[in-house]
Amino acid sequence: MNKKNIILPISYFPPITYFFYIYNYENIFIEINEHYQKQTIRNHTIISGANGNQKLIIPIKRKSYSKTVISEVKIQNKLWVKKHIQAIQTNYGNSPFFIHYFDDIKQIILNSGNNLFYLNKKILDYILKQLNLNKKINYTKIFNKTLKEDFHDLRNFEKKKIIKLNYTQTFCNQKININISILDLLFNLGNDSKNFISKLNFEKT
């Protein structure tokens, strides 16, 4: 990677690949001045289980959301909270490191508040601490549609499907979706998660 700077969107329990980029770049920026984009990692995450992948979505207030700055987007209600906690517990309850992280994650979700950005920031801070990734996270001050050449722009994270993730889950021994949540890695590898991220291999699809 010849670029030192990367810009990412905020994310709800971000994909494993999200932290690969944080690990490998010197300067990390999170975009908080863009308009909200639906059907993205900004308000959903993908977890894995015996019955396949499951998408967990945070409902947001839809009034003019396409014209709302991401830092001001409000969560619609609390009906999703119990569903997400139950899904995580059902899918990862038997994972090797479930007991080490679940209570903390449960409390973060229970105390989510009504602002999507601040919930995702709380999640990011927690995950970085668990991964022992001592990286300074910068937040944009203004929105720039076009960035300088030394920036890797990943604000359209889902559209950058040019790589395949080689990762084997402890409990099912199969390759997984490129956008699978960091929760999957933590629950299955625990303290070895950072080491795994540092050795990730990407290949062209």
N, C-alpha and C. Protein backbone atom coordinates (compact mmCIF):
# COMPACT_ATOMS: atom_id res chain seq x y z
N MET A 1 0.84 -1.19 0.00
CA MET A 1 0.00 0.00 0.00
C MET A 1 0.88 1.24 0.00
N ASN A 2 0.76 2.05 -1.04
CA ASN A 2 1.63 3.21 -1.16
C ASN A 2 0.98 4.49 -0.67
N LYS A 3 -0.27 4.42 -0.22
CA LYS A 3 -0.93 5.59 0.32
C LYS A 3 -0.93 5.50 1.84
N LYS A 4 -0.73 6.65 2.49
CA LYS A 4 -0.63 6.66 3.94
C LYS A 4 -1.95 6.97 4.64
N ASN A 5 -2.89 7.55 3.90
CA ASN A 5 -4.13 8.00 4.49
C ASN A 5 -5.32 7.18 3.98
N ILE A 6 -6.25 6.93 4.86
CA ILE A 6 -7.45 6.22 4.45
C ILE A 6 -8.66 6.89 5.10
N ILE A 7 -9.77 6.91 4.38
CA ILE A 7 -11.01 7.47 4.92
C ILE A 7 -12.09 6.40 4.82
N LEU A 8 -12.76 6.19 5.94
CA LEU A 8 -13.76 5.13 6.06
C LEU A 8 -15.09 5.71 6.53
N PRO A 9 -16.19 5.00 6.30
CA PRO A 9 -17.46 5.43 6.87
C PRO A 9 -17.55 4.94 8.32
N ILE A 10 -18.48 5.49 9.09
CA ILE A 10 -18.75 4.89 10.38
C ILE A 10 -19.42 3.54 10.12
N SER A 11 -19.40 2.66 11.12
CA SER A 11 -19.94 1.33 10.89
C SER A 11 -20.44 0.71 12.19
N TYR A 12 -21.49 -0.06 12.07
CA TYR A 12 -22.06 -0.79 13.20
C TYR A 12 -21.38 -2.16 13.28
N PHE A 13 -20.57 -2.39 14.32
CA PHE A 13 -19.75 -3.59 14.45
C PHE A 13 -19.12 -3.92 13.09
N PRO A 14 -18.12 -3.13 12.71
CA PRO A 14 -17.57 -3.17 11.34
C PRO A 14 -17.07 -4.54 10.91
N PRO A 15 -16.93 -4.72 9.59
CA PRO A 15 -16.38 -5.97 9.05
C PRO A 15 -14.93 -6.16 9.49
N ILE A 16 -14.47 -7.39 9.47
CA ILE A 16 -13.07 -7.69 9.78
C ILE A 16 -12.15 -6.89 8.87
N THR A 17 -12.51 -6.78 7.60
CA THR A 17 -11.67 -6.08 6.64
C THR A 17 -11.50 -4.60 7.00
N TYR A 18 -12.47 -4.03 7.65
CA TYR A 18 -12.40 -2.63 8.11
C TYR A 18 -11.18 -2.43 9.00
N PHE A 19 -10.91 -3.40 9.85
CA PHE A 19 -9.79 -3.30 10.78
C PHE A 19 -8.47 -3.67 10.12
N PHE A 20 -8.53 -4.43 9.04
CA PHE A 20 -7.34 -4.66 8.24
C PHE A 20 -6.81 -3.32 7.71
N TYR A 21 -7.70 -2.48 7.24
CA TYR A 21 -7.29 -1.18 6.72
C TYR A 21 -6.80 -0.26 7.84
N ILE A 22 -7.47 -0.28 8.97
CA ILE A 22 -7.01 0.53 10.10
C ILE A 22 -5.62 0.09 10.53
N TYR A 23 -5.38 -1.20 10.55
CA TYR A 23 -4.08 -1.74 10.96
C TYR A 23 -2.97 -1.30 10.01
N ASN A 24 -3.28 -1.23 8.73
CA ASN A 24 -2.24 -1.04 7.71
C ASN A 24 -2.00 0.40 7.27
N TYR A 25 -2.82 1.34 7.72
CA TYR A 25 -2.63 2.73 7.32
C TYR A 25 -2.15 3.58 8.48
N GLU A 26 -1.35 4.58 8.16
CA GLU A 26 -0.80 5.47 9.19
C GLU A 26 -1.85 6.43 9.72
N ASN A 27 -2.62 7.03 8.81
CA ASN A 27 -3.59 8.05 9.19
C ASN A 27 -4.99 7.60 8.82
N ILE A 28 -5.84 7.46 9.83
CA ILE A 28 -7.20 6.97 9.62
C ILE A 28 -8.20 8.09 9.86
N PHE A 29 -9.08 8.30 8.89
CA PHE A 29 -10.14 9.30 9.01
C PHE A 29 -11.49 8.61 8.88
N ILE A 30 -12.42 9.02 9.73
CA ILE A 30 -13.80 8.56 9.64
C ILE A 30 -14.64 9.72 9.13
N GLU A 31 -15.43 9.45 8.09
CA GLU A 31 -16.27 10.49 7.48
C GLU A 31 -17.52 10.70 8.31
N ILE A 32 -17.70 11.90 8.84
CA ILE A 32 -18.90 12.19 9.62
C ILE A 32 -19.68 13.38 9.07
N ASN A 33 -19.30 13.85 7.88
CA ASN A 33 -19.99 14.99 7.28
C ASN A 33 -20.71 14.64 5.99
N GLU A 34 -20.76 13.36 5.66
CA GLU A 34 -21.51 12.93 4.49
C GLU A 34 -22.99 12.83 4.82
N HIS A 35 -23.82 12.73 3.79
CA HIS A 35 -25.23 12.43 3.99
C HIS A 35 -25.39 10.92 4.20
N TYR A 36 -26.37 10.56 4.99
CA TYR A 36 -26.61 9.16 5.30
C TYR A 36 -26.85 8.35 4.03
N GLN A 37 -26.28 7.14 3.98
CA GLN A 37 -26.50 6.23 2.86
C GLN A 37 -27.14 4.95 3.39
N LYS A 38 -28.30 4.62 2.87
CA LYS A 38 -29.01 3.44 3.34
C LYS A 38 -28.38 2.16 2.80
N GLN A 39 -28.72 1.05 3.46
CA GLN A 39 -28.28 -0.30 3.07
C GLN A 39 -26.76 -0.41 3.01
N THR A 40 -26.11 0.13 4.03
CA THR A 40 -24.65 0.06 4.12
C THR A 40 -24.23 -0.32 5.54
N ILE A 41 -22.94 -0.47 5.74
CA ILE A 41 -22.43 -0.85 7.05
C ILE A 41 -22.63 0.24 8.09
N ARG A 42 -23.14 1.39 7.66
CA ARG A 42 -23.39 2.47 8.62
C ARG A 42 -24.44 2.07 9.66
N ASN A 43 -25.40 1.26 9.27
CA ASN A 43 -26.41 0.86 10.25
C ASN A 43 -26.71 -0.64 10.22
N HIS A 44 -25.83 -1.44 9.61
CA HIS A 44 -26.04 -2.88 9.71
C HIS A 44 -24.71 -3.62 9.82
N THR A 45 -24.81 -4.84 10.32
CA THR A 45 -23.65 -5.72 10.41
C THR A 45 -24.08 -7.11 10.02
N ILE A 46 -23.13 -7.95 9.61
CA ILE A 46 -23.42 -9.32 9.22
C ILE A 46 -22.70 -10.27 10.17
N ILE A 47 -23.48 -11.15 10.81
CA ILE A 47 -22.88 -12.16 11.68
C ILE A 47 -23.07 -13.53 11.04
N SER A 48 -22.32 -14.49 11.54
CA SER A 48 -22.35 -15.83 10.95
C SER A 48 -22.84 -16.85 11.96
N GLY A 49 -23.52 -17.87 11.47
CA GLY A 49 -24.00 -18.92 12.35
C GLY A 49 -24.21 -20.22 11.60
N ALA A 50 -24.75 -21.20 12.29
CA ALA A 50 -24.93 -22.53 11.71
C ALA A 50 -25.87 -22.51 10.51
N ASN A 51 -26.79 -21.56 10.50
CA ASN A 51 -27.76 -21.48 9.40
C ASN A 51 -27.39 -20.44 8.35
N GLY A 52 -26.12 -20.01 8.36
CA GLY A 52 -25.67 -19.04 7.38
C GLY A 52 -25.56 -17.64 7.94
N ASN A 53 -25.30 -16.69 7.07
CA ASN A 53 -25.12 -15.31 7.49
C ASN A 53 -26.45 -14.65 7.86
N GLN A 54 -26.38 -13.75 8.83
CA GLN A 54 -27.57 -13.01 9.28
C GLN A 54 -27.23 -11.54 9.36
N LYS A 55 -28.05 -10.71 8.75
CA LYS A 55 -27.84 -9.27 8.78
C LYS A 55 -28.63 -8.66 9.93
N LEU A 56 -27.95 -7.88 10.76
CA LEU A 56 -28.59 -7.15 11.85
C LEU A 56 -28.65 -5.69 11.47
N ILE A 57 -29.85 -5.13 11.47
CA ILE A 57 -30.06 -3.76 10.99
C ILE A 57 -30.61 -2.88 12.10
N ILE A 58 -30.02 -1.70 12.26
CA ILE A 58 -30.55 -0.69 13.18
C ILE A 58 -31.53 0.18 12.40
N PRO A 59 -32.79 0.25 12.81
CA PRO A 59 -33.75 1.12 12.12
C PRO A 59 -33.48 2.58 12.43
N ILE A 60 -33.53 3.41 11.42
CA ILE A 60 -33.29 4.84 11.64
C ILE A 60 -34.52 5.63 11.26
N LYS A 61 -34.64 6.82 11.83
CA LYS A 61 -35.75 7.70 11.49
C LYS A 61 -35.61 8.12 10.04
N ARG A 62 -36.64 7.88 9.25
CA ARG A 62 -36.53 8.02 7.81
C ARG A 62 -36.87 9.39 7.26
N LYS A 63 -37.32 10.29 8.07
CA LYS A 63 -37.69 11.61 7.57
C LYS A 63 -36.47 12.34 7.02
N SER A 64 -36.44 12.48 5.70
CA SER A 64 -35.36 13.20 5.00
C SER A 64 -33.97 12.67 5.34
N TYR A 65 -33.86 11.34 5.60
CA TYR A 65 -32.55 10.82 5.99
C TYR A 65 -31.50 10.98 4.90
N SER A 66 -31.93 11.00 3.64
CA SER A 66 -30.96 11.15 2.55
C SER A 66 -30.31 12.52 2.55
N LYS A 67 -30.91 13.47 3.26
CA LYS A 67 -30.35 14.82 3.34
C LYS A 67 -29.82 15.12 4.74
N THR A 68 -29.71 14.08 5.56
CA THR A 68 -29.25 14.27 6.93
C THR A 68 -27.77 13.91 7.04
N VAL A 69 -27.00 14.78 7.65
CA VAL A 69 -25.59 14.49 7.88
C VAL A 69 -25.49 13.28 8.81
N ILE A 70 -24.58 12.39 8.51
CA ILE A 70 -24.51 11.12 9.22
C ILE A 70 -24.38 11.28 10.73
N SER A 71 -23.70 12.31 11.17
CA SER A 71 -23.52 12.52 12.61
C SER A 71 -24.81 12.93 13.31
N GLU A 72 -25.85 13.25 12.55
CA GLU A 72 -27.12 13.68 13.13
C GLU A 72 -28.24 12.66 12.93
N VAL A 73 -27.93 11.53 12.34
CA VAL A 73 -28.95 10.50 12.09
C VAL A 73 -29.42 9.89 13.40
N LYS A 74 -30.72 9.80 13.56
CA LYS A 74 -31.31 9.28 14.79
C LYS A 74 -31.81 7.85 14.61
N ILE A 75 -31.64 7.05 15.66
CA ILE A 75 -32.17 5.69 15.68
C ILE A 75 -33.67 5.75 15.95
N GLN A 76 -34.42 4.95 15.22
CA GLN A 76 -35.87 5.08 15.24
C GLN A 76 -36.51 4.63 16.56
N ASN A 77 -36.07 3.48 17.07
CA ASN A 77 -36.70 2.93 18.27
C ASN A 77 -35.75 1.96 18.95
N LYS A 78 -36.26 1.25 19.96
CA LYS A 78 -35.45 0.29 20.70
C LYS A 78 -35.88 -1.15 20.43
N LEU A 79 -36.77 -1.36 19.47
CA LEU A 79 -37.28 -2.69 19.20
C LEU A 79 -36.20 -3.65 18.69
N TRP A 80 -35.17 -3.10 18.09
CA TRP A 80 -34.10 -3.92 17.52
C TRP A 80 -33.13 -4.45 18.57
N VAL A 81 -33.07 -3.80 19.72
CA VAL A 81 -32.03 -4.10 20.73
C VAL A 81 -32.08 -5.56 21.18
N LYS A 82 -33.23 -6.01 21.61
CA LYS A 82 -33.37 -7.39 22.09
C LYS A 82 -33.06 -8.39 20.98
N LYS A 83 -33.52 -8.09 19.77
CA LYS A 83 -33.29 -8.98 18.63
C LYS A 83 -31.80 -9.15 18.35
N HIS A 84 -31.05 -8.05 18.38
CA HIS A 84 -29.62 -8.12 18.09
C HIS A 84 -28.87 -8.90 19.18
N ILE A 85 -29.21 -8.63 20.42
CA ILE A 85 -28.55 -9.33 21.53
C ILE A 85 -28.82 -10.83 21.45
N GLN A 86 -30.07 -11.20 21.18
CA GLN A 86 -30.43 -12.61 21.09
C GLN A 86 -29.73 -13.29 19.91
N ALA A 87 -29.65 -12.59 18.78
CA ALA A 87 -29.00 -13.16 17.59
C ALA A 87 -27.51 -13.41 17.85
N ILE A 88 -26.85 -12.46 18.49
CA ILE A 88 -25.43 -12.61 18.80
C ILE A 88 -25.23 -13.77 19.77
N GLN A 89 -26.08 -13.86 20.78
CA GLN A 89 -25.97 -14.93 21.77
C GLN A 89 -26.24 -16.30 21.14
N THR A 90 -27.25 -16.37 20.27
CA THR A 90 -27.60 -17.64 19.63
C THR A 90 -26.49 -18.12 18.70
N ASN A 91 -25.93 -17.20 17.92
CA ASN A 91 -24.94 -17.59 16.92
C ASN A 91 -23.54 -17.81 17.48
N TYR A 92 -23.22 -17.14 18.58
CA TYR A 92 -21.84 -17.22 19.08
C TYR A 92 -21.72 -17.76 20.51
N GLY A 93 -22.85 -18.18 21.09
CA GLY A 93 -22.84 -18.63 22.47
C GLY A 93 -21.87 -19.76 22.76
N ASN A 94 -21.59 -20.59 21.76
CA ASN A 94 -20.67 -21.72 21.93
C ASN A 94 -19.26 -21.43 21.43
N SER A 95 -19.01 -20.20 21.01
CA SER A 95 -17.68 -19.84 20.51
C SER A 95 -16.68 -19.76 21.66
N PRO A 96 -15.41 -20.03 21.39
CA PRO A 96 -14.40 -20.14 22.45
C PRO A 96 -14.26 -18.92 23.35
N PHE A 97 -14.44 -17.72 22.78
CA PHE A 97 -14.18 -16.50 23.56
C PHE A 97 -15.45 -15.68 23.80
N PHE A 98 -16.60 -16.32 23.63
CA PHE A 98 -17.87 -15.63 23.81
C PHE A 98 -17.97 -14.98 25.18
N ILE A 99 -17.60 -15.71 26.20
CA ILE A 99 -17.75 -15.23 27.58
C ILE A 99 -16.89 -14.00 27.87
N HIS A 100 -15.82 -13.83 27.11
CA HIS A 100 -14.89 -12.71 27.35
C HIS A 100 -15.45 -11.37 26.86
N TYR A 101 -16.35 -11.40 25.90
CA TYR A 101 -16.78 -10.15 25.26
C TYR A 101 -18.28 -9.88 25.33
N PHE A 102 -19.08 -10.90 25.50
CA PHE A 102 -20.52 -10.74 25.33
C PHE A 102 -21.13 -9.72 26.29
N ASP A 103 -20.76 -9.75 27.56
CA ASP A 103 -21.38 -8.83 28.52
C ASP A 103 -21.11 -7.37 28.14
N ASP A 104 -19.88 -7.08 27.72
CA ASP A 104 -19.55 -5.71 27.30
C ASP A 104 -20.36 -5.30 26.08
N ILE A 105 -20.43 -6.19 25.11
CA ILE A 105 -21.15 -5.90 23.87
C ILE A 105 -22.64 -5.73 24.15
N LYS A 106 -23.16 -6.56 25.01
CA LYS A 106 -24.57 -6.45 25.40
C LYS A 106 -24.87 -5.09 26.02
N GLN A 107 -23.98 -4.62 26.89
CA GLN A 107 -24.18 -3.32 27.54
C GLN A 107 -24.10 -2.17 26.55
N ILE A 108 -23.20 -2.27 25.57
CA ILE A 108 -23.10 -1.23 24.54
C ILE A 108 -24.42 -1.13 23.77
N ILE A 109 -24.98 -2.28 23.41
CA ILE A 109 -26.23 -2.28 22.66
C ILE A 109 -27.38 -1.77 23.52
N LEU A 110 -27.44 -2.23 24.76
CA LEU A 110 -28.51 -1.81 25.67
C LEU A 110 -28.48 -0.30 25.91
N ASN A 111 -27.27 0.27 25.91
CA ASN A 111 -27.12 1.71 26.16
C ASN A 111 -26.82 2.46 24.87
N SER A 112 -27.48 2.07 23.80
CA SER A 112 -27.19 2.60 22.47
C SER A 112 -27.56 4.07 22.29
N GLY A 113 -28.50 4.58 23.08
CA GLY A 113 -28.93 5.96 22.87
C GLY A 113 -29.73 6.08 21.58
N ASN A 114 -29.85 7.30 21.06
CA ASN A 114 -30.65 7.49 19.83
C ASN A 114 -29.87 8.11 18.68
N ASN A 115 -28.54 8.19 18.82
CA ASN A 115 -27.70 8.78 17.76
C ASN A 115 -26.81 7.68 17.18
N LEU A 116 -26.97 7.43 15.88
CA LEU A 116 -26.25 6.34 15.23
C LEU A 116 -24.73 6.54 15.27
N PHE A 117 -24.29 7.76 15.02
CA PHE A 117 -22.86 8.02 15.00
C PHE A 117 -22.21 7.74 16.35
N TYR A 118 -22.81 8.22 17.43
CA TYR A 118 -22.20 8.04 18.75
C TYR A 118 -22.22 6.58 19.19
N LEU A 119 -23.25 5.84 18.78
CA LEU A 119 -23.24 4.40 19.05
C LEU A 119 -22.08 3.73 18.33
N ASN A 120 -21.92 4.03 17.04
CA ASN A 120 -20.85 3.42 16.26
C ASN A 120 -19.46 3.84 16.74
N LYS A 121 -19.34 5.06 17.20
CA LYS A 121 -18.07 5.52 17.76
C LYS A 121 -17.73 4.74 19.03
N LYS A 122 -18.74 4.52 19.87
CA LYS A 122 -18.53 3.76 21.09
C LYS A 122 -18.08 2.33 20.76
N ILE A 123 -18.71 1.75 19.75
CA ILE A 123 -18.34 0.40 19.31
C ILE A 123 -16.91 0.37 18.79
N LEU A 124 -16.56 1.34 17.94
CA LEU A 124 -15.21 1.39 17.38
C LEU A 124 -14.17 1.52 18.47
N ASP A 125 -14.39 2.41 19.42
CA ASP A 125 -13.44 2.58 20.52
C ASP A 125 -13.27 1.29 21.30
N TYR A 126 -14.36 0.59 21.54
CA TYR A 126 -14.30 -0.67 22.29
C TYR A 126 -13.52 -1.73 21.52
N ILE A 127 -13.81 -1.89 20.23
CA ILE A 127 -13.15 -2.93 19.43
C ILE A 127 -11.66 -2.64 19.30
N LEU A 128 -11.30 -1.39 19.08
CA LEU A 128 -9.88 -1.04 18.97
C LEU A 128 -9.14 -1.38 20.25
N LYS A 129 -9.78 -1.15 21.38
CA LYS A 129 -9.18 -1.48 22.68
C LYS A 129 -8.99 -2.99 22.82
N GLN A 130 -10.00 -3.77 22.43
CA GLN A 130 -9.90 -5.23 22.54
C GLN A 130 -8.85 -5.80 21.60
N LEU A 131 -8.68 -5.18 20.45
CA LEU A 131 -7.68 -5.61 19.48
C LEU A 131 -6.29 -5.08 19.81
N ASN A 132 -6.23 -4.21 20.81
CA ASN A 132 -4.96 -3.55 21.16
C ASN A 132 -4.37 -2.84 19.95
N LEU A 133 -5.24 -2.17 19.21
CA LEU A 133 -4.82 -1.37 18.05
C LEU A 133 -4.71 0.09 18.50
N ASN A 134 -3.51 0.51 18.76
CA ASN A 134 -3.30 1.87 19.27
C ASN A 134 -3.17 2.86 18.11
N LYS A 135 -4.28 3.11 17.47
CA LYS A 135 -4.32 4.01 16.33
C LYS A 135 -5.16 5.23 16.67
N LYS A 136 -4.68 6.39 16.27
CA LYS A 136 -5.48 7.60 16.45
C LYS A 136 -6.52 7.67 15.34
N ILE A 137 -7.77 7.84 15.73
CA ILE A 137 -8.85 7.96 14.76
C ILE A 137 -9.22 9.43 14.61
N ASN A 138 -9.11 9.92 13.39
CA ASN A 138 -9.47 11.31 13.09
C ASN A 138 -10.86 11.36 12.49
N TYR A 139 -11.59 12.44 12.77
CA TYR A 139 -12.92 12.61 12.22
C TYR A 139 -12.94 13.84 11.33
N THR A 140 -13.54 13.70 10.16
CA THR A 140 -13.52 14.79 9.19
C THR A 140 -14.22 16.02 9.72
N LYS A 141 -13.73 17.18 9.30
CA LYS A 141 -14.31 18.46 9.71
C LYS A 141 -15.28 19.01 8.66
N ILE A 142 -15.01 18.68 7.40
CA ILE A 142 -15.89 19.08 6.30
C ILE A 142 -15.99 17.91 5.33
N PHE A 143 -16.96 17.98 4.44
CA PHE A 143 -17.10 16.92 3.44
C PHE A 143 -16.39 17.32 2.16
N ASN A 144 -15.51 16.45 1.68
CA ASN A 144 -14.82 16.64 0.41
C ASN A 144 -15.18 15.49 -0.51
N LYS A 145 -15.87 15.79 -1.58
CA LYS A 145 -16.26 14.74 -2.51
C LYS A 145 -15.04 14.10 -3.15
N THR A 146 -14.06 14.92 -3.49
CA THR A 146 -12.83 14.44 -4.10
C THR A 146 -11.68 14.63 -3.13
N LEU A 147 -10.89 13.59 -2.94
CA LEU A 147 -9.78 13.65 -1.98
C LEU A 147 -8.44 13.73 -2.70
N LYS A 148 -7.42 14.07 -1.96
CA LYS A 148 -6.07 14.13 -2.52
C LYS A 148 -5.60 12.73 -2.92
N GLU A 149 -4.59 12.70 -3.77
CA GLU A 149 -4.12 11.43 -4.32
C GLU A 149 -3.54 10.49 -3.26
N ASP A 150 -3.10 11.04 -2.13
CA ASP A 150 -2.50 10.19 -1.11
C ASP A 150 -3.54 9.58 -0.16
N PHE A 151 -4.82 9.71 -0.52
CA PHE A 151 -5.90 9.13 0.26
C PHE A 151 -6.48 7.90 -0.44
N HIS A 152 -6.72 6.88 0.34
CA HIS A 152 -7.48 5.73 -0.13
C HIS A 152 -8.92 5.94 0.35
N ASP A 153 -9.82 6.16 -0.57
CA ASP A 153 -11.20 6.50 -0.24
C ASP A 153 -12.05 5.23 -0.19
N LEU A 154 -12.44 4.84 1.02
CA LEU A 154 -13.28 3.67 1.20
C LEU A 154 -14.64 4.03 1.79
N ARG A 155 -15.09 5.24 1.52
CA ARG A 155 -16.40 5.64 2.04
C ARG A 155 -17.52 4.81 1.42
N ASN A 156 -17.32 4.33 0.20
CA ASN A 156 -18.26 3.40 -0.42
C ASN A 156 -17.73 1.98 -0.21
N PHE A 157 -17.69 1.60 1.03
CA PHE A 157 -17.03 0.35 1.43
C PHE A 157 -17.59 -0.86 0.70
N GLU A 158 -18.91 -0.95 0.61
CA GLU A 158 -19.54 -2.13 0.01
C GLU A 158 -19.22 -2.28 -1.47
N LYS A 159 -18.88 -1.19 -2.13
CA LYS A 159 -18.62 -1.24 -3.57
C LYS A 159 -17.19 -1.65 -3.90
N LYS A 160 -16.35 -1.76 -2.88
CA LYS A 160 -14.95 -2.11 -3.12
C LYS A 160 -14.75 -3.62 -3.04
N LYS A 161 -15.56 -4.36 -3.80
CA LYS A 161 -15.50 -5.82 -3.75
C LYS A 161 -14.49 -6.34 -4.76
N ILE A 162 -13.22 -6.08 -4.50
CA ILE A 162 -12.15 -6.50 -5.40
C ILE A 162 -11.25 -7.52 -4.73
N ILE A 163 -11.62 -7.93 -3.53
CA ILE A 163 -10.79 -8.86 -2.80
C ILE A 163 -11.63 -9.95 -2.16
N LYS A 164 -10.98 -11.05 -1.83
CA LYS A 164 -11.64 -12.15 -1.15
C LYS A 164 -10.90 -12.41 0.16
N LEU A 165 -11.65 -12.62 1.21
CA LEU A 165 -11.05 -12.81 2.53
C LEU A 165 -10.84 -14.28 2.81
N ASN A 166 -9.60 -14.67 3.05
CA ASN A 166 -9.28 -16.04 3.40
C ASN A 166 -9.27 -16.18 4.92
N TYR A 167 -10.35 -16.65 5.47
CA TYR A 167 -10.48 -16.74 6.91
C TYR A 167 -11.31 -17.96 7.25
N THR A 168 -10.80 -18.78 8.14
CA THR A 168 -11.51 -19.99 8.54
C THR A 168 -12.03 -19.83 9.95
N GLN A 169 -13.33 -19.98 10.10
CA GLN A 169 -13.92 -19.89 11.43
C GLN A 169 -13.55 -21.13 12.25
N THR A 170 -13.35 -20.92 13.52
CA THR A 170 -12.95 -22.00 14.40
C THR A 170 -13.98 -23.12 14.41
N PHE A 171 -15.26 -22.77 14.36
CA PHE A 171 -16.28 -23.79 14.57
C PHE A 171 -16.87 -24.39 13.31
N CYS A 172 -16.59 -23.81 12.14
CA CYS A 172 -17.24 -24.39 10.97
C CYS A 172 -16.30 -24.63 9.79
N ASN A 173 -15.07 -24.17 9.87
CA ASN A 173 -14.06 -24.50 8.87
C ASN A 173 -14.49 -24.19 7.44
N GLN A 174 -14.89 -22.96 7.20
CA GLN A 174 -15.26 -22.56 5.85
C GLN A 174 -14.93 -21.09 5.62
N LYS A 175 -14.76 -20.73 4.37
CA LYS A 175 -14.53 -19.34 4.03
C LYS A 175 -15.81 -18.54 4.28
N ILE A 176 -15.65 -17.28 4.63
CA ILE A 176 -16.82 -16.49 4.99
C ILE A 176 -16.94 -15.24 4.15
N ASN A 177 -18.10 -14.62 4.27
CA ASN A 177 -18.40 -13.38 3.56
C ASN A 177 -17.36 -12.31 3.88
N ILE A 178 -16.96 -11.57 2.87
CA ILE A 178 -15.95 -10.53 3.04
C ILE A 178 -16.39 -9.46 4.05
N ASN A 179 -17.68 -9.27 4.17
CA ASN A 179 -18.19 -8.22 5.06
C ASN A 179 -18.64 -8.76 6.43
N ILE A 180 -18.17 -9.93 6.82
CA ILE A 180 -18.57 -10.48 8.11
C ILE A 180 -18.04 -9.61 9.24
N SER A 181 -18.80 -9.51 10.31
CA SER A 181 -18.48 -8.60 11.41
C SER A 181 -17.23 -9.00 12.18
N ILE A 182 -16.57 -8.00 12.75
CA ILE A 182 -15.43 -8.22 13.63
C ILE A 182 -15.83 -9.07 14.83
N LEU A 183 -17.12 -9.09 15.18
CA LEU A 183 -17.59 -9.93 16.28
C LEU A 183 -17.23 -11.39 16.04
N ASP A 184 -17.32 -11.80 14.78
CA ASP A 184 -17.01 -13.18 14.43
C ASP A 184 -15.57 -13.53 14.81
N LEU A 185 -14.68 -12.61 14.51
CA LEU A 185 -13.26 -12.84 14.80
C LEU A 185 -13.00 -12.84 16.31
N LEU A 186 -13.54 -11.87 17.02
CA LEU A 186 -13.32 -11.78 18.46
C LEU A 186 -13.83 -13.02 19.19
N PHE A 187 -15.04 -13.44 18.87
CA PHE A 187 -15.62 -14.58 19.56
C PHE A 187 -14.89 -15.88 19.26
N ASN A 188 -14.27 -15.97 18.09
CA ASN A 188 -13.60 -17.20 17.69
C ASN A 188 -12.10 -17.23 17.97
N LEU A 189 -11.45 -16.08 17.91
CA LEU A 189 -10.00 -16.05 18.09
C LEU A 189 -9.55 -15.28 19.32
N GLY A 190 -10.40 -14.45 19.89
CA GLY A 190 -10.05 -13.74 21.13
C GLY A 190 -8.80 -12.90 21.01
N ASN A 191 -7.85 -13.12 21.91
CA ASN A 191 -6.63 -12.31 21.95
C ASN A 191 -5.75 -12.46 20.72
N ASP A 192 -6.00 -13.47 19.93
CA ASP A 192 -5.20 -13.68 18.72
C ASP A 192 -5.76 -12.93 17.52
N SER A 193 -6.84 -12.17 17.74
CA SER A 193 -7.49 -11.47 16.63
C SER A 193 -6.58 -10.46 15.94
N LYS A 194 -5.84 -9.69 16.72
CA LYS A 194 -4.94 -8.70 16.14
C LYS A 194 -3.86 -9.39 15.30
N ASN A 195 -3.32 -10.46 15.82
CA ASN A 195 -2.29 -11.20 15.09
C ASN A 195 -2.84 -11.73 13.77
N PHE A 196 -4.09 -12.20 13.81
CA PHE A 196 -4.72 -12.68 12.59
C PHE A 196 -4.87 -11.56 11.57
N ILE A 197 -5.34 -10.40 12.03
CA ILE A 197 -5.52 -9.26 11.13
C ILE A 197 -4.20 -8.84 10.50
N SER A 198 -3.13 -8.89 11.30
CA SER A 198 -1.81 -8.47 10.80
C SER A 198 -1.30 -9.40 9.69
N LYS A 199 -1.82 -10.63 9.64
CA LYS A 199 -1.35 -11.60 8.66
C LYS A 199 -2.37 -11.90 7.57
N LEU A 200 -3.42 -11.09 7.52
CA LEU A 200 -4.46 -11.32 6.50
C LEU A 200 -3.88 -11.32 5.11
N ASN A 201 -4.36 -12.23 4.30
CA ASN A 201 -4.00 -12.29 2.89
C ASN A 201 -5.20 -11.92 2.04
N PHE A 202 -4.98 -11.03 1.10
CA PHE A 202 -6.04 -10.68 0.16
C PHE A 202 -5.63 -11.14 -1.22
N GLU A 203 -6.61 -11.58 -1.96
CA GLU A 203 -6.34 -12.00 -3.33
C GLU A 203 -7.42 -11.48 -4.24
N LYS A 204 -7.08 -11.26 -5.49
CA LYS A 204 -8.06 -10.76 -6.46
C LYS A 204 -9.10 -11.83 -6.74
N THR A 205 -10.33 -11.39 -6.88
CA THR A 205 -11.40 -12.34 -7.20
C THR A 205 -11.60 -12.38 -8.70
